[in-house]
Amino acid sequence: MTTEELYTKLTPIFRDVFDDESLAPHPAMTAAEVESWDSLSNIRLIVDIEQRFKIHFTTAEITGLANVGELVAVIERKLVG
């Protein structure tokens, strides 16, 4: 799966979790840019991604993320490995 395809698959997850149909995740996006992105929605986002891609994140992987680009990089590593 290409990075572009991954963002395409993540878009409906982000829109559902944050209840914003105009949301388009991009590499530099951070929680500060999304009004409804709080700790609870962050958990829901991670769980939804884990279920969609059949992967599991460690706590260290999640807490170390600075932006969506880093999240995508972790997903890509998990899908390959």
C-alpha atoms as a PDB file:
ATOM      1  CA  MET A   1       0.000   0.000   0.000  1.00  0.00           C
ATOM      2  CA  THR A   2       1.359   3.397  -0.929  1.00  0.00           C
ATOM      3  CA  THR A   3       1.458   6.331   1.449  1.00  0.00           C
ATOM      4  CA  GLU A   4      -1.189   8.062  -0.667  1.00  0.00           C
ATOM      5  CA  GLU A   5      -3.488   5.032  -0.415  1.00  0.00           C
ATOM      6  CA  LEU A   6      -2.963   4.988   3.333  1.00  0.00           C
ATOM      7  CA  TYR A   7      -4.058   8.617   3.655  1.00  0.00           C
ATOM      8  CA  THR A   8      -7.105   7.815   1.496  1.00  0.00           C
ATOM      9  CA  LYS A   9      -8.055   5.004   3.878  1.00  0.00           C
ATOM     10  CA  LEU A  10      -7.410   7.166   6.944  1.00  0.00           C
ATOM     11  CA  THR A  11      -9.569  10.068   5.767  1.00  0.00           C
ATOM     12  CA  PRO A  12     -12.959   8.472   6.563  1.00  0.00           C
ATOM     13  CA  ILE A  13     -11.648   7.346   9.955  1.00  0.00           C
ATOM     14  CA  PHE A  14     -10.558  10.888  10.835  1.00  0.00           C
ATOM     15  CA  ARG A  15     -13.848  12.325   9.559  1.00  0.00           C
ATOM     16  CA  ASP A  16     -15.867   9.863  11.624  1.00  0.00           C
ATOM     17  CA  VAL A  17     -13.850  10.209  14.836  1.00  0.00           C
ATOM     18  CA  PHE A  18     -13.766  14.005  14.735  1.00  0.00           C
ATOM     19  CA  ASP A  19     -17.231  14.385  13.154  1.00  0.00           C
ATOM     20  CA  ASP A  20     -15.927  16.690  10.425  1.00  0.00           C
ATOM     21  CA  GLU A  21     -16.585  15.754   6.793  1.00  0.00           C
ATOM     22  CA  SER A  22     -14.142  18.388   5.538  1.00  0.00           C
ATOM     23  CA  LEU A  23     -11.184  16.950   7.443  1.00  0.00           C
ATOM     24  CA  ALA A  24      -8.297  15.758   5.282  1.00  0.00           C
ATOM     25  CA  PRO A  25      -5.378  14.327   7.241  1.00  0.00           C
ATOM     26  CA  HIS A  26      -1.942  15.409   6.024  1.00  0.00           C
ATOM     27  CA  PRO A  27       1.588  14.726   7.275  1.00  0.00           C
ATOM     28  CA  ALA A  28       2.041  17.947   9.261  1.00  0.00           C
ATOM     29  CA  MET A  29      -1.414  17.805  10.907  1.00  0.00           C
ATOM     30  CA  THR A  30      -1.387  17.875  14.709  1.00  0.00           C
ATOM     31  CA  ALA A  31      -4.073  17.568  17.359  1.00  0.00           C
ATOM     32  CA  ALA A  32      -3.898  21.337  17.878  1.00  0.00           C
ATOM     33  CA  GLU A  33      -5.329  21.861  14.370  1.00  0.00           C
ATOM     34  CA  VAL A  34      -8.489  19.858  15.047  1.00  0.00           C
ATOM     35  CA  GLU A  35     -10.871  21.459  17.518  1.00  0.00           C
ATOM     36  CA  SER A  36     -12.419  18.198  18.723  1.00  0.00           C
ATOM     37  CA  TRP A  37      -9.121  16.284  19.015  1.00  0.00           C
ATOM     38  CA  ASP A  38      -8.803  15.571  22.720  1.00  0.00           C
ATOM     39  CA  SER A  39      -7.515  12.613  24.720  1.00  0.00           C
ATOM     40  CA  LEU A  40     -10.747  10.636  24.370  1.00  0.00           C
ATOM     41  CA  SER A  41     -11.013  11.140  20.617  1.00  0.00           C
ATOM     42  CA  ASN A  42      -7.327  10.256  20.320  1.00  0.00           C
ATOM     43  CA  ILE A  43      -8.028   6.871  21.921  1.00  0.00           C
ATOM     44  CA  ARG A  44     -10.957   6.324  19.586  1.00  0.00           C
ATOM     45  CA  LEU A  45      -8.800   7.261  16.587  1.00  0.00           C
ATOM     46  CA  ILE A  46      -6.089   4.781  17.559  1.00  0.00           C
ATOM     47  CA  VAL A  47      -8.593   1.981  18.216  1.00  0.00           C
ATOM     48  CA  ASP A  48     -10.366   2.603  14.902  1.00  0.00           C
ATOM     49  CA  ILE A  49      -7.047   2.549  13.034  1.00  0.00           C
ATOM     50  CA  GLU A  50      -5.998  -0.662  14.789  1.00  0.00           C
ATOM     51  CA  GLN A  51      -9.267  -2.331  13.825  1.00  0.00           C
ATOM     52  CA  ARG A  52      -9.248  -1.080  10.226  1.00  0.00           C
ATOM     53  CA  PHE A  53      -5.679  -2.144   9.520  1.00  0.00           C
ATOM     54  CA  LYS A  54      -5.579  -5.144  11.892  1.00  0.00           C
ATOM     55  CA  ILE A  55      -2.502  -3.824  13.699  1.00  0.00           C
ATOM     56  CA  HIS A  56      -1.654  -2.985  17.310  1.00  0.00           C
ATOM     57  CA  PHE A  57       0.176   0.062  18.617  1.00  0.00           C
ATOM     58  CA  THR A  58       2.317   0.029  21.730  1.00  0.00           C
ATOM     59  CA  THR A  59       1.952   2.807  24.276  1.00  0.00           C
ATOM     60  CA  ALA A  60       5.443   4.037  23.412  1.00  0.00           C
ATOM     61  CA  GLU A  61       4.532   4.303  19.722  1.00  0.00           C
ATOM     62  CA  ILE A  62       1.433   6.341  20.460  1.00  0.00           C
ATOM     63  CA  THR A  63       2.896   8.712  23.037  1.00  0.00           C
ATOM     64  CA  GLY A  64       5.881   9.539  20.854  1.00  0.00           C
ATOM     65  CA  LEU A  65       3.869  10.799  17.874  1.00  0.00           C
ATOM     66  CA  ALA A  66       4.184  14.487  16.978  1.00  0.00           C
ATOM     67  CA  ASN A  67       1.944  14.595  13.900  1.00  0.00           C
ATOM     68  CA  VAL A  68      -0.105  12.531  11.462  1.00  0.00           C
ATOM     69  CA  GLY A  69       2.932  11.923   9.254  1.00  0.00           C
ATOM     70  CA  GLU A  70       4.639  10.097  12.119  1.00  0.00           C
ATOM     71  CA  LEU A  71       1.460   8.077  12.733  1.00  0.00           C
ATOM     72  CA  VAL A  72       1.378   7.073   9.075  1.00  0.00           C
ATOM     73  CA  ALA A  73       5.041   6.043   9.227  1.00  0.00           C
ATOM     74  CA  VAL A  74       4.285   3.722  12.160  1.00  0.00           C
ATOM     75  CA  ILE A  75       1.281   2.232  10.329  1.00  0.00           C
ATOM     76  CA  GLU A  76       3.433   1.648   7.239  1.00  0.00           C
ATOM     77  CA  ARG A  77       6.107  -0.138   9.292  1.00  0.00           C
ATOM     78  CA  LYS A  78       3.499  -2.364  10.898  1.00  0.00           C
ATOM     79  CA  LEU A  79       1.859  -3.238   7.580  1.00  0.00           C
ATOM     80  CA  VAL A  80       5.184  -4.222   6.045  1.00  0.00           C
ATOM     81  CA  GLY A  81       6.650  -6.038   9.011  1.00  0.00           C
END
